């Protein structure tokens, strides 16, 4: 019973570090060599060392001097230390997320534990420098700790002190953020069938644990059950997501009062980018009533994953909405008008050329009905021999081709002149008309000259 007196002392009182009881290069029971002291805290002294025969590095955990002796409290501490060794050995065989215990024994200065050295860095240090963490990373770490707690609960063990200082994180290229739960010094067996050396039972109403991570029933000193570990795991997840604790106050006593009386601060108050789904998860996980919380670790982790997935969807939707906002586009200036005029005129010229080429085979038929010129008519009247018989002129192939080419050339020249020349002014039109009147009569068309030569040759 007195063993919990150390645990239940005033949580606000400062604790003086115990003096180091061992020295470097010390050989422990002929098996381990101590090299460097790692930490002295919470009634324990941890040294780095190695196994002399196996050459395996290890951490060696001792009780400090104030936890040893012949007093009832010292004996209770030794029994609890032994219980931690048995629980850790039992659970590390059931879950890879429990810190491994390699050995346990009693040396000249008292009992000691040999634990794995490559357990990583303390999660409390990670949060001190990196918090708040990304939601996906928090979920990855919390799921591993949840697996360790599930193994413990199935074995009838309640940890009673789940917090970042008792979680270690190691990383490698293959497995980033590999988490392990350790320090079962405050653990309690709730399975009477377990073959463990049970430490003295806690006094009813005695506080066991760390105030910031205690559940209401733990603060009240009620019977321990797995619900207090689920509460502490939710507080740990809250702290990793926000960098703050939901009920922290200036002192441990005020913190415990807040656990009993105040609702948790929504995580979105500390971190505005978190969605309402995450707020709703912690509202349920940290409810004052046990019946309103999650009934097991598996259900709690499933709900946390769903909340974080919903949060990720909300973030993606916000990014998509921002990327789909309309952009202000500057209209292109219209092309110059002269360009379109040139294209239109070129199209007209092409149409005329195609039409002329299509009409070329019809030229002989059109020439049959051609009327003679005034000179030809006069010659026919003056010659009585020709007046009675006027044969139709024969149109040769050479004449037809010449006429076709001449007409095409004339049409092309006319089209080009029309396309390139701008409309003349009224004065220019009058000058052009008067100039035409003064010009002599135009020469005969070469086509008809050829016809006349053909007729003369035939006569």
Protein backbone atom coordinates (compact mmCIF):
# COMPACT_ATOMS: atom_id res chain seq x y z
CA UNK A 1 0.00 0.00 0.00
CA UNK A 2 2.80 2.35 0.77
CA UNK A 3 4.17 1.72 -2.66
CA UNK A 4 1.70 4.19 -4.10
CA UNK A 5 2.58 6.84 -1.56
CA UNK A 6 5.37 7.98 -3.84
CA UNK A 7 2.98 8.12 -6.75
CA UNK A 8 0.26 9.95 -4.87
CA UNK A 9 2.38 12.72 -3.36
CA UNK A 10 1.63 16.30 -4.30
CA UNK A 11 1.89 16.52 -8.08
CA UNK A 12 2.77 20.23 -7.83
CA UNK A 13 5.81 19.69 -5.61
CA UNK A 14 9.19 19.86 -7.37
CA UNK A 15 11.21 16.66 -7.40
CA UNK A 16 14.92 16.69 -6.72
CA UNK A 17 16.99 14.40 -8.92
CA UNK A 18 18.61 11.56 -7.05
CA UNK A 19 22.36 11.29 -7.11
CA UNK A 20 23.95 8.89 -9.58
CA UNK A 21 24.70 5.60 -7.83
CA UNK A 22 26.91 4.03 -10.51
CA UNK A 23 30.08 4.94 -12.38
CA UNK A 24 31.30 4.46 -15.92
CA UNK A 25 33.26 1.29 -16.74
CA UNK A 26 31.51 -0.48 -13.85
CA UNK A 27 31.02 -4.19 -14.48
CA UNK A 28 27.61 -5.44 -13.44
CA UNK A 29 27.47 -9.08 -12.32
CA UNK A 30 30.29 -9.88 -14.71
CA UNK A 31 27.93 -9.52 -17.70
CA UNK A 32 27.42 -5.83 -18.45
CA UNK A 33 29.77 -2.87 -18.68
CA UNK A 34 28.33 0.60 -18.00
CA UNK A 35 29.53 3.38 -20.32
CA UNK A 36 27.47 6.58 -19.91
CA UNK A 37 24.56 7.78 -17.81
CA UNK A 38 21.54 8.58 -19.98
CA UNK A 39 18.99 10.01 -17.56
CA UNK A 40 18.00 10.18 -13.92
CA UNK A 41 14.28 10.78 -13.44
CA UNK A 42 11.10 9.44 -11.85
CA UNK A 43 12.95 7.28 -9.34
CA UNK A 44 15.05 5.48 -11.96
CA UNK A 45 18.58 5.79 -13.27
CA UNK A 46 19.28 4.69 -16.86
CA UNK A 47 22.74 3.89 -18.19
CA UNK A 48 24.06 2.99 -21.62
CA UNK A 49 26.12 -0.19 -21.65
CA UNK A 50 26.81 -3.44 -23.46
CA UNK A 51 26.72 -7.17 -22.86
CA UNK A 52 30.34 -8.32 -22.48
CA UNK A 53 29.87 -11.71 -24.11
CA UNK A 54 27.34 -10.87 -26.84
CA UNK A 55 28.76 -7.39 -27.56
CA UNK A 56 25.17 -6.19 -27.75
CA UNK A 57 24.44 -2.57 -26.79
CA UNK A 58 21.74 -2.11 -24.18
CA UNK A 59 20.14 0.31 -21.75
CA UNK A 60 20.33 -0.67 -18.09
CA UNK A 61 17.66 0.68 -15.76
CA UNK A 62 18.21 0.95 -11.98
CA UNK A 63 16.17 2.26 -9.08
CA UNK A 64 17.60 5.43 -7.59
CA UNK A 65 18.95 5.46 -4.04
CA UNK A 66 15.78 6.95 -2.55
CA UNK A 67 13.80 3.98 -3.91
CA UNK A 68 16.02 1.40 -2.24
CA UNK A 69 16.35 0.35 1.36
CA UNK A 70 14.57 -1.64 4.00
CA UNK A 71 11.55 0.60 4.39
CA UNK A 72 8.08 -0.50 3.39
CA UNK A 73 8.02 2.07 0.58
CA UNK A 74 11.35 0.85 -0.76
CA UNK A 75 10.19 -2.75 -0.73
CA UNK A 76 7.02 -1.78 -2.59
CA UNK A 77 9.11 0.06 -5.21
CA UNK A 78 11.26 -3.04 -5.70
CA UNK A 79 8.18 -5.20 -6.13
CA UNK A 80 6.75 -2.76 -8.67
CA UNK A 81 10.07 -2.73 -10.54
CA UNK A 82 10.00 -6.52 -10.72
CA UNK A 83 6.38 -6.44 -11.92
CA UNK A 84 7.35 -4.02 -14.73
CA UNK A 85 10.01 -6.48 -15.90
CA UNK A 86 7.52 -9.36 -16.00
CA UNK A 87 4.81 -7.36 -17.78
CA UNK A 88 7.24 -5.99 -20.39
CA UNK A 89 8.63 -9.46 -21.08
CA UNK A 90 5.09 -10.84 -21.46
CA UNK A 91 3.85 -8.10 -23.79
CA UNK A 92 6.90 -7.62 -26.03
CA UNK A 93 6.38 -11.21 -27.16
CA UNK A 94 2.80 -10.31 -28.21
CA UNK A 95 3.39 -7.01 -29.96
CA UNK A 96 6.31 -5.52 -31.85
CA UNK A 97 5.25 -2.12 -30.53
CA UNK A 98 6.28 -2.88 -26.93
CA UNK A 99 9.82 -2.01 -25.80
CA UNK A 100 11.82 -5.26 -25.57
CA UNK A 101 13.24 -6.48 -22.25
CA UNK A 102 16.44 -8.53 -22.66
CA UNK A 103 17.28 -9.33 -19.04
CA UNK A 104 16.45 -8.64 -15.39
CA UNK A 105 18.39 -9.38 -12.22
CA UNK A 106 19.42 -8.07 -8.83
CA UNK A 107 22.88 -6.57 -8.44
CA UNK A 108 24.82 -5.23 -5.46
CA UNK A 109 22.86 -1.96 -5.62
CA UNK A 110 19.44 -3.53 -6.19
CA UNK A 111 17.33 -4.80 -9.10
CA UNK A 112 17.94 -3.72 -12.68
CA UNK A 113 16.39 -4.19 -16.12
CA UNK A 114 18.20 -4.53 -19.44
CA UNK A 115 16.14 -3.05 -22.27
CA UNK A 116 16.78 -2.56 -25.97
CA UNK A 117 19.03 0.36 -26.77
CA UNK A 118 17.86 1.12 -30.32
CA UNK A 119 14.34 2.07 -29.31
CA UNK A 120 14.64 5.50 -30.94
CA UNK A 121 13.89 8.95 -29.59
CA UNK A 122 11.25 9.90 -27.09
CA UNK A 123 7.99 11.13 -28.62
CA UNK A 124 7.98 13.98 -26.10
CA UNK A 125 11.19 15.28 -27.72
CA UNK A 126 9.69 14.89 -31.19
CA UNK A 127 6.67 16.98 -30.19
CA UNK A 128 8.84 19.54 -28.47
CA UNK A 129 10.57 20.35 -31.76
CA UNK A 130 8.10 19.32 -34.50
CA UNK A 131 4.56 19.73 -33.12
CA UNK A 132 2.00 20.08 -34.48
CA UNK A 133 2.41 17.03 -36.69
CA UNK A 134 0.60 16.28 -39.93
CA UNK A 135 -2.71 14.42 -39.36
CA UNK A 136 -1.58 11.39 -41.39
CA UNK A 137 1.62 11.11 -39.32
CA UNK A 138 -0.33 11.38 -36.07
CA UNK A 139 -2.66 8.61 -37.20
CA UNK A 140 0.31 6.39 -38.10
CA UNK A 141 1.90 6.80 -34.65
CA UNK A 142 -1.34 6.51 -32.67
CA UNK A 143 -2.38 3.34 -34.50
CA UNK A 144 0.86 1.64 -33.45
CA UNK A 145 0.44 2.66 -29.82
CA UNK A 146 -3.16 1.48 -30.04
CA UNK A 147 -1.95 -1.93 -31.20
CA UNK A 148 0.36 -2.16 -28.17
CA UNK A 149 -2.48 -1.20 -25.82
CA UNK A 150 -4.80 -3.75 -27.44
CA UNK A 151 -2.24 -6.49 -26.76
CA UNK A 152 -1.91 -5.30 -23.15
CA UNK A 153 -5.67 -5.16 -22.58
CA UNK A 154 -6.15 -8.64 -24.01
CA UNK A 155 -3.53 -9.84 -21.51
CA UNK A 156 -5.40 -8.12 -18.66
CA UNK A 157 -2.86 -5.29 -18.26
CA UNK A 158 -3.71 -1.58 -17.92
CA UNK A 159 -0.76 0.76 -18.51
CA UNK A 160 -2.13 3.75 -16.53
CA UNK A 161 0.56 6.18 -17.75
CA UNK A 162 0.27 6.49 -21.54
CA UNK A 163 1.99 9.75 -22.54
CA UNK A 164 4.61 10.96 -25.06
CA UNK A 165 7.46 10.47 -22.56
CA UNK A 166 6.73 6.72 -22.53
CA UNK A 167 6.62 6.31 -26.32
CA UNK A 168 9.74 5.93 -28.47
CA UNK A 169 9.99 6.60 -32.18
CA UNK A 170 12.58 5.11 -34.51
CA UNK A 171 12.82 5.70 -38.24
CA UNK A 172 14.46 4.00 -41.16
CA UNK A 173 14.15 4.16 -44.92
CA UNK A 174 11.88 1.12 -44.87
CA UNK A 175 9.78 1.94 -41.78
CA UNK A 176 9.40 5.63 -40.86
CA UNK A 177 8.06 6.58 -37.40
CA UNK A 178 8.08 3.10 -35.89
CA UNK A 179 6.51 3.53 -32.42
CA UNK A 180 7.00 1.50 -29.23
CA UNK A 181 5.31 1.81 -25.86
CA UNK A 182 7.35 1.26 -22.71
CA UNK A 183 7.70 2.06 -19.00
CA UNK A 184 5.06 -0.18 -17.41
CA UNK A 185 6.12 0.94 -13.92
CA UNK A 186 2.53 2.00 -13.08
CA UNK A 187 0.86 -0.91 -14.88
CA UNK A 188 -1.90 -2.89 -13.19
CA UNK A 189 -3.07 -6.44 -13.83
CA UNK A 190 -6.86 -6.76 -13.94
CA UNK A 191 -6.86 -10.47 -14.83
CA UNK A 192 -6.75 -12.63 -11.69
CA UNK A 193 -5.58 -15.58 -13.78
CA UNK A 194 -2.34 -13.86 -14.84
CA UNK A 195 0.75 -15.53 -13.35
CA UNK A 196 2.52 -12.33 -12.33
CA UNK A 197 4.08 -11.17 -9.08
CA UNK A 198 1.53 -8.50 -8.30
CA UNK A 199 2.73 -5.37 -6.54
CA UNK A 200 0.80 -4.00 -3.57
CA UNK A 201 -2.67 -2.73 -4.48
CA UNK A 202 -3.25 1.00 -4.69
CA UNK A 203 -5.04 2.74 -1.88
CA UNK A 204 -8.58 3.76 -2.94
CA UNK A 205 -8.64 7.45 -3.86
CA UNK A 206 -4.89 7.60 -4.50
CA UNK A 207 -3.85 9.36 -7.73
CA UNK A 208 -1.73 7.18 -10.03
CA UNK A 209 -0.44 8.62 -13.29
CA UNK A 210 0.31 11.99 -14.88
CA UNK A 211 -2.36 14.71 -14.40
CA UNK A 212 -2.46 16.01 -18.01
CA UNK A 213 -3.29 12.52 -19.33
CA UNK A 214 -5.60 11.28 -16.56
CA UNK A 215 -9.23 10.41 -17.21
CA UNK A 216 -11.97 11.62 -14.83
CA UNK A 217 -12.29 8.16 -13.24
CA UNK A 218 -8.52 8.02 -12.79
CA UNK A 219 -8.50 11.42 -11.08
CA UNK A 220 -11.25 10.20 -8.75
CA UNK A 221 -9.21 7.08 -7.89
CA UNK A 222 -11.83 4.66 -9.16
CA UNK A 223 -11.08 1.09 -10.21
CA UNK A 224 -8.65 1.03 -13.13
CA UNK A 225 -9.83 -0.39 -16.44
CA UNK A 226 -8.81 0.00 -20.12
CA UNK A 227 -10.92 3.16 -20.48
CA UNK A 228 -8.19 5.22 -18.80
CA UNK A 229 -5.65 4.10 -21.42
CA UNK A 230 -8.03 5.03 -24.25
CA UNK A 231 -8.51 8.47 -22.72
CA UNK A 232 -4.75 8.98 -22.42
CA UNK A 233 -4.24 7.84 -26.02
CA UNK A 234 -6.81 10.42 -27.18
CA UNK A 235 -5.00 13.16 -25.22
CA UNK A 236 -1.71 12.08 -26.81
CA UNK A 237 -3.26 12.29 -30.30
CA UNK A 238 -4.72 15.72 -29.45
CA UNK A 239 -1.30 16.97 -28.36
CA UNK A 240 0.43 15.62 -31.46
CA UNK A 241 -2.14 17.31 -33.74
CA UNK A 242 -2.23 20.69 -32.01
CA UNK A 243 0.93 21.04 -29.94
CA UNK A 244 -1.26 21.65 -26.85
CA UNK A 245 -3.12 19.56 -24.28
CA UNK A 246 -6.90 19.78 -23.89
CA UNK A 247 -7.03 20.46 -20.13
CA UNK A 248 -3.65 21.98 -19.25
CA UNK A 249 -3.49 24.57 -16.49
CA UNK A 250 -0.78 26.23 -14.42
CA UNK A 251 -0.58 23.42 -11.86
CA UNK A 252 -1.30 19.71 -11.80
CA UNK A 253 -4.16 20.19 -9.33
CA UNK A 254 -5.84 22.76 -11.57
CA UNK A 255 -5.36 20.45 -14.54
CA UNK A 256 -7.17 17.62 -12.72
CA UNK A 257 -10.00 20.00 -11.83
CA UNK A 258 -10.28 20.90 -15.51
CA UNK A 259 -10.43 17.21 -16.44
CA UNK A 260 -13.43 16.84 -14.12
CA UNK A 261 -15.27 20.06 -14.97
CA UNK A 262 -14.31 21.55 -18.34
CA UNK A 263 -15.05 20.27 -21.85
CA UNK A 264 -11.98 19.83 -24.05
CA UNK A 265 -11.00 22.79 -26.20
CA UNK A 266 -11.80 21.93 -29.85
CA UNK A 267 -8.58 21.20 -31.76
CA UNK A 268 -9.60 23.68 -34.46
CA UNK A 269 -9.18 26.48 -31.89
CA UNK A 270 -5.47 25.68 -31.81
CA UNK A 271 -5.17 24.82 -35.49
CA UNK A 272 -7.63 26.41 -37.89
CA UNK A 273 -6.94 24.01 -40.78
CA UNK A 274 -8.48 21.04 -38.91
CA UNK A 275 -11.99 20.05 -39.96
CA UNK A 276 -15.13 19.77 -37.77
CA UNK A 277 -14.87 15.96 -38.12
CA UNK A 278 -11.72 15.98 -35.99
CA UNK A 279 -13.39 18.24 -33.41
CA UNK A 280 -16.30 15.78 -33.22
CA UNK A 281 -13.94 12.84 -32.70
CA UNK A 282 -12.23 14.39 -29.67
CA UNK A 283 -15.54 15.57 -28.26
CA UNK A 284 -16.58 11.93 -28.02
CA UNK A 285 -13.20 10.43 -27.09
CA UNK A 286 -12.82 12.89 -24.17
CA UNK A 287 -16.38 12.81 -22.90
CA UNK A 288 -16.75 12.84 -19.11
CA UNK A 289 -19.04 9.80 -19.21
CA UNK A 290 -17.40 6.46 -19.99
CA UNK A 291 -20.55 5.17 -21.71
CA UNK A 292 -20.41 7.97 -24.28
CA UNK A 293 -16.82 7.23 -25.28
CA UNK A 294 -15.52 4.51 -27.58
CA UNK A 295 -15.85 1.05 -26.07
CA UNK A 296 -12.48 -0.26 -27.31
CA UNK A 297 -9.25 0.88 -28.92
CA UNK A 298 -10.13 -0.58 -32.31
CA UNK A 299 -13.36 1.43 -32.60
CA UNK A 300 -11.59 4.58 -31.47
CA UNK A 301 -8.83 4.21 -34.07
CA UNK A 302 -11.39 3.52 -36.81
CA UNK A 303 -13.22 6.73 -35.91
CA UNK A 304 -9.96 8.69 -35.83
CA UNK A 305 -8.99 7.38 -39.26
CA UNK A 306 -12.40 8.35 -40.64
CA UNK A 307 -12.12 11.84 -39.15
CA UNK A 308 -8.64 12.35 -40.61
CA UNK A 309 -9.78 11.00 -44.00
CA UNK A 310 -12.69 13.46 -43.96
CA UNK A 311 -10.23 16.19 -43.05
CA UNK A 312 -8.04 15.24 -46.03
CA UNK A 313 -11.08 15.31 -48.35
CA UNK A 314 -12.00 18.76 -47.05
CA UNK A 315 -8.48 20.01 -47.71
CA UNK A 316 -8.48 18.56 -51.23
CA UNK A 317 -11.89 20.11 -51.96
CA UNK A 318 -10.65 23.50 -50.79
CA UNK A 319 -7.61 23.27 -53.07
CA UNK A 320 -9.76 22.16 -56.02
CA UNK A 321 -12.23 25.00 -55.45
CA UNK A 322 -9.41 27.52 -55.39
CA UNK A 323 -7.91 26.14 -58.61
CA UNK A 324 -11.28 26.29 -60.42
CA UNK A 325 -11.85 30.01 -59.90
CA UNK A 326 -12.37 31.83 -63.27
CA UNK A 327 -9.36 33.62 -64.67
CA UNK A 328 -9.51 37.11 -66.19
CA UNK A 329 -8.65 36.74 -69.89
CA UNK A 330 -7.60 39.67 -72.11
CA UNK A 331 -9.31 39.46 -75.55
CA UNK A 332 -7.03 39.44 -78.57
CA UNK A 333 -7.20 42.51 -80.86
CA UNK A 334 -9.06 42.01 -84.18
CA UNK A 335 -6.88 41.46 -87.27
CA UNK A 336 -6.31 44.42 -89.66
CA UNK A 337 -9.19 45.09 -92.07
CA UNK A 338 -6.86 45.18 -95.12
CA UNK A 339 -5.94 41.55 -94.53
CA UNK A 340 -9.53 40.41 -94.91
CA UNK A 341 -10.06 42.64 -97.94
CA UNK A 342 -7.02 41.11 -99.64
CA UNK A 343 -8.26 37.61 -98.92
CA UNK A 344 -11.71 38.45 -100.30
CA UNK A 345 -10.30 39.94 -103.47
CA UNK A 346 -7.95 37.02 -103.98
CA UNK A 347 -10.94 34.72 -103.66
CA UNK A 348 -12.83 36.69 -106.30
CA UNK A 349 -9.90 36.46 -108.72
CA UNK A 350 -9.64 32.71 -108.19
CA UNK A 351 -13.35 32.32 -108.89
CA UNK A 352 -13.07 34.22 -112.20
CA UNK A 353 -10.13 32.09 -113.35
CA UNK A 354 -11.96 28.85 -112.55
CA UNK A 355 -15.07 30.05 -114.38
CA UNK A 356 -13.07 30.94 -117.50
CA UNK A 357 -11.34 27.59 -117.58
CA UNK A 358 -14.69 25.84 -117.24
CA UNK A 359 -16.13 27.79 -120.21
CA UNK A 360 -13.19 27.11 -122.55
CA UNK A 361 -14.80 24.05 -124.29
CA UNK A 362 -17.89 26.14 -125.11
CA UNK A 363 -16.01 28.77 -127.12
CA UNK A 364 -16.52 27.05 -130.58
CA UNK A 365 -20.26 26.91 -130.03
CA UNK A 366 -20.43 30.49 -128.92
CA UNK A 367 -18.45 31.63 -131.98
CA UNK A 368 -21.01 30.11 -134.37
CA UNK A 369 -23.47 32.88 -133.62
CA UNK A 370 -20.91 35.67 -133.54
CA UNK A 371 -21.89 38.65 -135.75
CA UNK A 372 -19.36 40.04 -138.29
CA UNK A 373 -17.80 43.38 -137.73
CA UNK A 374 -18.86 46.48 -139.64
CA UNK A 375 -15.91 46.14 -142.05
CA UNK A 376 -16.83 42.56 -142.88
CA UNK A 377 -20.46 43.51 -143.51
CA UNK A 378 -19.42 46.33 -145.85
CA UNK A 379 -17.15 44.04 -147.85
CA UNK A 380 -19.93 41.52 -148.33
CA UNK A 381 -22.35 44.15 -149.74
CA UNK A 382 -19.78 45.62 -152.16
CA UNK A 383 -18.95 42.20 -153.61
CA UNK A 384 -22.02 40.86 -155.50
CA UNK A 385 -20.47 37.42 -155.72
CA UNK A 386 -20.34 37.14 -152.00
CA UNK A 387 -23.77 38.64 -151.39
CA UNK A 388 -25.61 35.54 -152.49
CA UNK A 389 -23.41 33.03 -150.72
CA UNK A 390 -21.95 33.82 -147.30
CA UNK A 391 -20.32 30.71 -145.83
CA UNK A 392 -19.81 30.55 -142.11
CA UNK A 393 -16.27 31.13 -141.03
CA UNK A 394 -14.44 27.99 -139.90
CA UNK A 395 -12.97 28.27 -136.44
CA UNK A 396 -9.67 26.48 -136.22
CA UNK A 397 -8.19 24.96 -133.06
CA UNK A 398 -5.45 27.54 -133.17
CA UNK A 399 -7.94 30.35 -133.20
CA UNK A 400 -9.94 28.80 -130.37
CA UNK A 401 -6.89 28.41 -128.17
CA UNK A 402 -5.72 31.91 -128.95
CA UNK A 403 -9.12 33.33 -128.11
CA UNK A 404 -9.30 31.39 -124.86
CA UNK A 405 -5.85 32.48 -123.70
CA UNK A 406 -6.54 36.05 -124.69
CA UNK A 407 -9.80 36.09 -122.78
CA UNK A 408 -8.21 34.51 -119.71
CA UNK A 409 -5.33 36.98 -119.79
CA UNK A 410 -7.72 39.88 -120.16
CA UNK A 411 -9.91 38.65 -117.27
CA UNK A 412 -6.91 38.09 -115.02
CA UNK A 413 -5.56 41.53 -115.75
CA UNK A 414 -8.95 43.03 -115.07
CA UNK A 415 -9.27 41.16 -111.74
CA UNK A 416 -5.77 42.18 -110.61
CA UNK A 417 -6.47 45.76 -111.45
CA UNK A 418 -9.73 45.61 -109.53
CA UNK A 419 -8.06 43.97 -106.47
CA UNK A 420 -5.14 46.38 -106.23
CA UNK A 421 -6.70 49.67 -107.24
CA UNK A 422 -8.75 51.71 -104.81
CA UNK A 423 -12.01 53.36 -105.96
CA UNK A 424 -11.16 56.60 -107.81
CA UNK A 425 -12.55 59.94 -106.81
CA UNK A 426 -15.34 61.66 -108.81
CA UNK A 427 -12.87 64.02 -110.49
CA UNK A 428 -10.70 61.15 -111.59
CA UNK A 429 -13.75 59.44 -113.15
CA UNK A 430 -14.61 62.52 -115.23
CA UNK A 431 -11.02 62.84 -116.48
CA UNK A 432 -10.93 59.20 -117.48
CA UNK A 433 -14.22 59.50 -119.41
CA UNK A 434 -13.07 62.53 -121.38
CA UNK A 435 -9.77 60.84 -122.16
CA UNK A 436 -11.59 57.87 -123.66
CA UNK A 437 -13.51 60.13 -126.04
CA UNK A 438 -10.31 61.66 -127.42
CA UNK A 439 -8.60 58.32 -128.01
CA UNK A 440 -8.70 56.74 -131.52
CA UNK A 441 -10.78 53.66 -132.21
CA UNK A 442 -9.41 50.50 -130.70
CA UNK A 443 -7.78 47.92 -132.91
CA UNK A 444 -9.68 44.85 -133.99
CA UNK A 445 -9.68 41.86 -131.78
CA UNK A 446 -6.93 39.38 -132.81
CA UNK A 447 -9.50 36.59 -132.85
CA UNK A 448 -11.42 38.17 -135.68
CA UNK A 449 -8.20 38.93 -137.54
CA UNK A 450 -7.45 35.23 -137.49
CA UNK A 451 -10.96 34.49 -138.73
CA UNK A 452 -10.53 36.87 -141.66
CA UNK A 453 -7.25 35.27 -142.65
CA UNK A 454 -8.84 31.85 -142.51
CA UNK A 455 -11.71 32.92 -144.77
CA UNK A 456 -9.36 34.51 -147.28
CA UNK A 457 -7.26 31.38 -147.54
CA UNK A 458 -10.30 29.21 -148.15
CA UNK A 459 -11.50 31.49 -150.95
